[in-house]
Amino acid sequence: QVRLVESGGGSVQTGGSLRLSCVADGYTNTIGWFRQASGQEREGVAAIRLAGGDAWYGDSARGRFRIARDSGKTAAYLQMNNLKPEDTAMYYCAAGSPNRMLAANEYTSWGQGTQVTVSS
């Protein structure tokens, strides 16, 4: 397992942008971003393979969010644009070697989460 540190959450108005960062302290094949709103199940947002940069997006993220890797570090970033109130959630990054990139149960390490709040 690796230790993951997330940052970049905050409060914005509808239409605003935020950039989340996830830095791992060891090797991982893939970094994924997930979110969990109050009373709801954890949802896969985006994931990226650090070797090669192949990315996957959940339906809620496609077209508005972009995941990128840092080739110099074991890190990934989630650029979130055109944020909506329904994007309000705790966002978690996760590390592992998943077969299904947006399946939370296939990741082995998790960060503590960073809160994103979007007001109308």
N, C-alpha and C. Protein backbone atom coordinates (compact mmCIF):
# COMPACT_ATOMS: atom_id res chain seq x y z
N GLN A 1 0.83 -1.18 0.00
CA GLN A 1 0.00 0.00 0.00
C GLN A 1 0.87 1.24 0.00
N VAL A 2 0.29 2.33 -0.51
CA VAL A 2 0.99 3.61 -0.51
C VAL A 2 0.15 4.62 0.26
N ARG A 3 0.82 5.66 0.73
CA ARG A 3 0.11 6.74 1.40
C ARG A 3 -0.20 7.81 0.36
N LEU A 4 -1.43 8.29 0.41
CA LEU A 4 -1.89 9.27 -0.57
C LEU A 4 -2.29 10.55 0.16
N VAL A 5 -1.92 11.68 -0.40
CA VAL A 5 -2.29 12.97 0.17
C VAL A 5 -3.01 13.77 -0.90
N GLU A 6 -4.25 14.14 -0.58
CA GLU A 6 -5.06 14.94 -1.50
C GLU A 6 -5.04 16.40 -1.06
N SER A 7 -5.23 17.28 -2.02
CA SER A 7 -5.39 18.70 -1.72
C SER A 7 -6.16 19.36 -2.85
N GLY A 8 -6.63 20.57 -2.59
CA GLY A 8 -7.26 21.35 -3.66
C GLY A 8 -8.75 21.51 -3.57
N GLY A 9 -9.39 20.87 -2.59
CA GLY A 9 -10.83 21.04 -2.46
C GLY A 9 -11.17 22.44 -1.97
N GLY A 10 -12.46 22.73 -1.94
CA GLY A 10 -12.90 24.02 -1.46
C GLY A 10 -14.33 24.29 -1.86
N SER A 11 -14.71 25.55 -1.71
CA SER A 11 -16.08 25.96 -2.04
C SER A 11 -16.05 26.92 -3.22
N VAL A 12 -16.91 26.64 -4.20
CA VAL A 12 -17.01 27.51 -5.38
C VAL A 12 -18.48 27.67 -5.73
N GLN A 13 -18.74 28.62 -6.59
CA GLN A 13 -20.10 28.80 -7.09
C GLN A 13 -20.28 27.99 -8.38
N THR A 14 -21.52 27.78 -8.75
CA THR A 14 -21.84 27.07 -9.97
C THR A 14 -21.09 27.70 -11.15
N GLY A 15 -20.48 26.82 -11.95
CA GLY A 15 -19.70 27.28 -13.09
C GLY A 15 -18.22 27.48 -12.79
N GLY A 16 -17.86 27.40 -11.53
CA GLY A 16 -16.47 27.60 -11.15
C GLY A 16 -15.61 26.37 -11.41
N SER A 17 -14.34 26.49 -11.08
CA SER A 17 -13.37 25.42 -11.32
C SER A 17 -12.55 25.15 -10.07
N LEU A 18 -12.10 23.93 -9.95
CA LEU A 18 -11.17 23.52 -8.91
C LEU A 18 -10.20 22.50 -9.49
N ARG A 19 -9.01 22.44 -8.91
CA ARG A 19 -8.01 21.45 -9.32
C ARG A 19 -7.60 20.67 -8.09
N LEU A 20 -7.87 19.38 -8.13
CA LEU A 20 -7.49 18.50 -7.03
C LEU A 20 -6.16 17.83 -7.34
N SER A 21 -5.36 17.65 -6.30
CA SER A 21 -4.07 16.99 -6.44
C SER A 21 -4.02 15.75 -5.56
N CYS A 22 -3.33 14.74 -6.05
CA CYS A 22 -3.13 13.51 -5.29
C CYS A 22 -1.69 13.09 -5.48
N VAL A 23 -0.95 13.02 -4.38
CA VAL A 23 0.46 12.64 -4.43
C VAL A 23 0.64 11.36 -3.61
N ALA A 24 1.29 10.37 -4.22
CA ALA A 24 1.55 9.09 -3.55
C ALA A 24 3.00 9.03 -3.10
N ASP A 25 3.24 8.34 -1.98
CA ASP A 25 4.61 8.26 -1.47
C ASP A 25 5.32 7.00 -1.93
N GLY A 26 4.73 6.28 -2.88
CA GLY A 26 5.37 5.08 -3.41
C GLY A 26 4.81 4.75 -4.78
N TYR A 27 5.26 3.64 -5.33
CA TYR A 27 4.82 3.26 -6.67
C TYR A 27 3.37 2.81 -6.70
N THR A 28 2.69 3.22 -7.76
CA THR A 28 1.38 2.67 -8.04
C THR A 28 1.16 2.65 -9.53
N ASN A 29 0.39 1.72 -9.98
CA ASN A 29 0.09 1.56 -11.40
C ASN A 29 -0.93 2.59 -11.87
N THR A 30 -1.91 2.83 -11.03
CA THR A 30 -3.05 3.66 -11.42
C THR A 30 -3.47 4.54 -10.24
N ILE A 31 -3.89 5.74 -10.54
CA ILE A 31 -4.53 6.62 -9.55
C ILE A 31 -5.94 6.92 -10.04
N GLY A 32 -6.89 6.77 -9.16
CA GLY A 32 -8.28 7.06 -9.48
C GLY A 32 -8.83 8.11 -8.54
N TRP A 33 -9.82 8.83 -9.04
CA TRP A 33 -10.56 9.79 -8.20
C TRP A 33 -11.99 9.29 -8.07
N PHE A 34 -12.46 9.30 -6.85
CA PHE A 34 -13.82 8.89 -6.53
C PHE A 34 -14.47 9.99 -5.71
N ARG A 35 -15.79 9.97 -5.65
CA ARG A 35 -16.46 10.94 -4.80
C ARG A 35 -17.65 10.28 -4.11
N GLN A 36 -17.99 10.83 -2.95
CA GLN A 36 -19.11 10.31 -2.19
C GLN A 36 -19.88 11.47 -1.58
N ALA A 37 -21.10 11.63 -2.04
CA ALA A 37 -21.97 12.64 -1.47
C ALA A 37 -22.70 12.05 -0.27
N SER A 38 -23.19 12.92 0.57
CA SER A 38 -23.87 12.48 1.78
C SER A 38 -25.03 11.55 1.45
N GLY A 39 -25.03 10.37 2.04
CA GLY A 39 -26.11 9.43 1.84
C GLY A 39 -26.07 8.65 0.55
N GLN A 40 -25.00 8.83 -0.21
CA GLN A 40 -24.90 8.13 -1.50
C GLN A 40 -23.69 7.21 -1.53
N GLU A 41 -23.68 6.31 -2.51
CA GLU A 41 -22.55 5.40 -2.68
C GLU A 41 -21.37 6.12 -3.31
N ARG A 42 -20.20 5.55 -3.09
CA ARG A 42 -19.00 6.10 -3.70
C ARG A 42 -19.06 5.90 -5.21
N GLU A 43 -18.69 6.95 -5.93
CA GLU A 43 -18.81 6.97 -7.40
C GLU A 43 -17.45 7.20 -8.03
N GLY A 44 -17.15 6.42 -9.06
CA GLY A 44 -15.90 6.63 -9.80
C GLY A 44 -16.00 7.86 -10.68
N VAL A 45 -15.03 8.75 -10.57
CA VAL A 45 -15.03 9.99 -11.34
C VAL A 45 -14.08 9.90 -12.52
N ALA A 46 -12.83 9.54 -12.25
CA ALA A 46 -11.83 9.44 -13.31
C ALA A 46 -10.66 8.63 -12.79
N ALA A 47 -9.90 8.07 -13.72
CA ALA A 47 -8.72 7.30 -13.35
C ALA A 47 -7.70 7.39 -14.46
N ILE A 48 -6.42 7.21 -14.09
CA ILE A 48 -5.37 7.31 -15.08
C ILE A 48 -4.27 6.31 -14.77
N ARG A 49 -3.79 5.65 -15.78
CA ARG A 49 -2.62 4.78 -15.66
C ARG A 49 -1.39 5.67 -15.75
N LEU A 50 -0.50 5.59 -14.76
CA LEU A 50 0.63 6.51 -14.70
C LEU A 50 1.66 6.21 -15.79
N ALA A 51 1.77 4.98 -16.21
CA ALA A 51 2.64 4.66 -17.35
C ALA A 51 1.79 4.69 -18.61
N GLY A 52 1.97 5.67 -19.42
CA GLY A 52 1.20 5.75 -20.65
C GLY A 52 0.15 6.83 -20.65
N GLY A 53 -0.47 7.06 -19.48
CA GLY A 53 -1.42 8.16 -19.38
C GLY A 53 -2.82 7.87 -19.85
N ASP A 54 -3.15 6.61 -20.10
CA ASP A 54 -4.53 6.30 -20.51
C ASP A 54 -5.49 6.68 -19.39
N ALA A 55 -6.58 7.34 -19.77
CA ALA A 55 -7.52 7.87 -18.79
C ALA A 55 -8.92 7.34 -19.03
N TRP A 56 -9.68 7.24 -17.96
CA TRP A 56 -11.07 6.81 -18.00
C TRP A 56 -11.91 7.83 -17.22
N TYR A 57 -13.13 8.04 -17.65
CA TYR A 57 -14.01 9.00 -16.99
C TYR A 57 -15.38 8.40 -16.73
N GLY A 58 -15.95 8.76 -15.58
CA GLY A 58 -17.32 8.42 -15.31
C GLY A 58 -18.26 9.36 -16.06
N ASP A 59 -19.50 8.97 -16.16
CA ASP A 59 -20.46 9.76 -16.93
C ASP A 59 -20.58 11.19 -16.41
N SER A 60 -20.50 11.36 -15.10
CA SER A 60 -20.67 12.69 -14.52
C SER A 60 -19.49 13.61 -14.81
N ALA A 61 -18.35 13.03 -15.12
CA ALA A 61 -17.14 13.82 -15.32
C ALA A 61 -16.84 14.11 -16.78
N ARG A 62 -17.31 13.26 -17.65
CA ARG A 62 -16.94 13.35 -19.05
C ARG A 62 -17.34 14.70 -19.64
N GLY A 63 -16.37 15.37 -20.25
CA GLY A 63 -16.62 16.66 -20.88
C GLY A 63 -16.38 17.87 -19.99
N ARG A 64 -16.33 17.65 -18.66
CA ARG A 64 -16.11 18.77 -17.74
C ARG A 64 -14.83 18.61 -16.92
N PHE A 65 -14.46 17.38 -16.63
CA PHE A 65 -13.28 17.12 -15.80
C PHE A 65 -12.18 16.53 -16.66
N ARG A 66 -10.95 16.77 -16.24
CA ARG A 66 -9.82 16.19 -16.94
C ARG A 66 -8.81 15.70 -15.90
N ILE A 67 -8.38 14.44 -16.05
CA ILE A 67 -7.37 13.88 -15.17
C ILE A 67 -6.03 13.88 -15.89
N ALA A 68 -4.99 14.20 -15.17
CA ALA A 68 -3.65 14.24 -15.76
C ALA A 68 -2.66 13.68 -14.74
N ARG A 69 -1.54 13.19 -15.25
CA ARG A 69 -0.50 12.65 -14.37
C ARG A 69 0.68 13.60 -14.36
N ASP A 70 1.50 13.45 -13.35
CA ASP A 70 2.76 14.17 -13.26
C ASP A 70 3.86 13.17 -13.55
N SER A 71 4.54 13.31 -14.66
CA SER A 71 5.53 12.32 -15.07
C SER A 71 6.74 12.31 -14.15
N GLY A 72 6.95 13.38 -13.40
CA GLY A 72 8.10 13.43 -12.52
C GLY A 72 7.84 12.91 -11.13
N LYS A 73 6.57 12.74 -10.79
CA LYS A 73 6.18 12.27 -9.47
C LYS A 73 5.08 11.24 -9.62
N THR A 74 4.84 10.50 -8.56
CA THR A 74 3.70 9.59 -8.55
C THR A 74 2.51 10.41 -8.10
N ALA A 75 1.92 11.10 -9.05
CA ALA A 75 0.86 12.04 -8.72
C ALA A 75 -0.11 12.17 -9.87
N ALA A 76 -1.31 12.58 -9.52
CA ALA A 76 -2.33 12.82 -10.54
C ALA A 76 -3.17 14.01 -10.11
N TYR A 77 -3.72 14.70 -11.09
CA TYR A 77 -4.49 15.90 -10.84
C TYR A 77 -5.85 15.78 -11.52
N LEU A 78 -6.85 16.33 -10.89
CA LEU A 78 -8.18 16.34 -11.47
C LEU A 78 -8.62 17.78 -11.63
N GLN A 79 -8.66 18.25 -12.88
CA GLN A 79 -9.13 19.58 -13.18
C GLN A 79 -10.63 19.52 -13.39
N MET A 80 -11.37 20.24 -12.59
CA MET A 80 -12.83 20.20 -12.64
C MET A 80 -13.34 21.57 -13.06
N ASN A 81 -14.02 21.60 -14.20
CA ASN A 81 -14.55 22.84 -14.74
C ASN A 81 -16.07 22.80 -14.78
N ASN A 82 -16.67 23.97 -14.90
CA ASN A 82 -18.12 24.06 -15.00
C ASN A 82 -18.80 23.26 -13.90
N LEU A 83 -18.37 23.50 -12.67
CA LEU A 83 -18.88 22.73 -11.54
C LEU A 83 -20.35 23.04 -11.28
N LYS A 84 -21.06 22.02 -10.82
CA LYS A 84 -22.49 22.11 -10.55
C LYS A 84 -22.75 21.73 -9.09
N PRO A 85 -23.88 22.15 -8.53
CA PRO A 85 -24.17 21.76 -7.14
C PRO A 85 -24.16 20.25 -6.92
N GLU A 86 -24.53 19.49 -7.93
CA GLU A 86 -24.54 18.03 -7.78
C GLU A 86 -23.13 17.44 -7.75
N ASP A 87 -22.11 18.24 -7.98
CA ASP A 87 -20.73 17.79 -7.83
C ASP A 87 -20.27 17.87 -6.38
N THR A 88 -21.09 18.44 -5.52
CA THR A 88 -20.73 18.55 -4.10
C THR A 88 -20.57 17.17 -3.49
N ALA A 89 -19.40 16.92 -2.91
CA ALA A 89 -19.09 15.60 -2.35
C ALA A 89 -17.72 15.65 -1.70
N MET A 90 -17.40 14.58 -0.98
CA MET A 90 -16.02 14.35 -0.55
C MET A 90 -15.34 13.60 -1.69
N TYR A 91 -14.21 14.11 -2.12
CA TYR A 91 -13.46 13.51 -3.21
C TYR A 91 -12.24 12.77 -2.64
N TYR A 92 -12.09 11.53 -3.07
CA TYR A 92 -11.00 10.69 -2.60
C TYR A 92 -10.14 10.26 -3.78
N CYS A 93 -8.83 10.20 -3.56
CA CYS A 93 -8.01 9.54 -4.56
C CYS A 93 -7.62 8.17 -4.03
N ALA A 94 -7.35 7.28 -4.96
CA ALA A 94 -7.05 5.90 -4.63
C ALA A 94 -5.95 5.40 -5.54
N ALA A 95 -5.20 4.43 -5.05
CA ALA A 95 -4.09 3.86 -5.81
C ALA A 95 -4.25 2.34 -5.89
N GLY A 96 -3.79 1.77 -6.98
CA GLY A 96 -3.85 0.33 -7.13
C GLY A 96 -3.56 -0.09 -8.55
N SER A 97 -3.90 -1.35 -8.84
CA SER A 97 -3.74 -1.92 -10.18
C SER A 97 -5.06 -2.54 -10.60
N PRO A 98 -6.06 -1.71 -10.79
CA PRO A 98 -7.40 -2.24 -11.08
C PRO A 98 -7.54 -2.76 -12.50
N ASN A 99 -8.42 -3.72 -12.68
CA ASN A 99 -8.83 -4.12 -14.02
C ASN A 99 -9.98 -3.23 -14.49
N ARG A 100 -10.91 -2.99 -13.59
CA ARG A 100 -11.99 -2.06 -13.87
C ARG A 100 -11.63 -0.72 -13.25
N MET A 101 -11.33 0.25 -14.06
CA MET A 101 -10.68 1.46 -13.61
C MET A 101 -11.52 2.31 -12.66
N LEU A 102 -12.83 2.20 -12.76
CA LEU A 102 -13.69 3.04 -11.91
C LEU A 102 -14.41 2.21 -10.84
N ALA A 103 -13.89 1.04 -10.55
CA ALA A 103 -14.45 0.19 -9.51
C ALA A 103 -13.67 0.41 -8.22
N ALA A 104 -14.32 1.00 -7.24
CA ALA A 104 -13.64 1.37 -6.00
C ALA A 104 -13.05 0.16 -5.28
N ASN A 105 -13.71 -0.98 -5.35
CA ASN A 105 -13.22 -2.14 -4.62
C ASN A 105 -11.98 -2.77 -5.24
N GLU A 106 -11.51 -2.26 -6.35
CA GLU A 106 -10.28 -2.78 -6.97
C GLU A 106 -9.06 -1.91 -6.64
N TYR A 107 -9.23 -0.92 -5.81
CA TYR A 107 -8.11 -0.08 -5.37
C TYR A 107 -7.71 -0.48 -3.96
N THR A 108 -6.42 -0.42 -3.68
CA THR A 108 -5.91 -0.92 -2.41
C THR A 108 -5.51 0.16 -1.41
N SER A 109 -5.31 1.38 -1.87
CA SER A 109 -4.90 2.46 -0.97
C SER A 109 -5.80 3.66 -1.22
N TRP A 110 -6.13 4.36 -0.13
CA TRP A 110 -7.05 5.49 -0.22
C TRP A 110 -6.52 6.67 0.58
N GLY A 111 -6.77 7.86 0.05
CA GLY A 111 -6.47 9.06 0.80
C GLY A 111 -7.59 9.41 1.76
N GLN A 112 -7.39 10.49 2.50
CA GLN A 112 -8.36 10.90 3.51
C GLN A 112 -9.54 11.67 2.93
N GLY A 113 -9.38 12.17 1.73
CA GLY A 113 -10.48 12.89 1.09
C GLY A 113 -10.33 14.40 1.21
N THR A 114 -10.91 15.09 0.24
CA THR A 114 -10.96 16.54 0.25
C THR A 114 -12.36 16.98 -0.17
N GLN A 115 -12.93 17.91 0.58
CA GLN A 115 -14.32 18.30 0.36
C GLN A 115 -14.44 19.31 -0.77
N VAL A 116 -15.40 19.07 -1.64
CA VAL A 116 -15.74 20.01 -2.70
C VAL A 116 -17.20 20.41 -2.50
N THR A 117 -17.44 21.70 -2.41
CA THR A 117 -18.80 22.21 -2.23
C THR A 117 -19.09 23.24 -3.31
N VAL A 118 -20.17 23.02 -4.06
CA VAL A 118 -20.56 23.92 -5.13
C VAL A 118 -21.91 24.51 -4.79
N SER A 119 -21.96 25.82 -4.70
CA SER A 119 -23.21 26.49 -4.34
C SER A 119 -23.85 27.11 -5.58
N SER A 120 -25.17 27.17 -5.54
CA SER A 120 -25.90 27.72 -6.69
C SER A 120 -26.06 29.22 -6.57
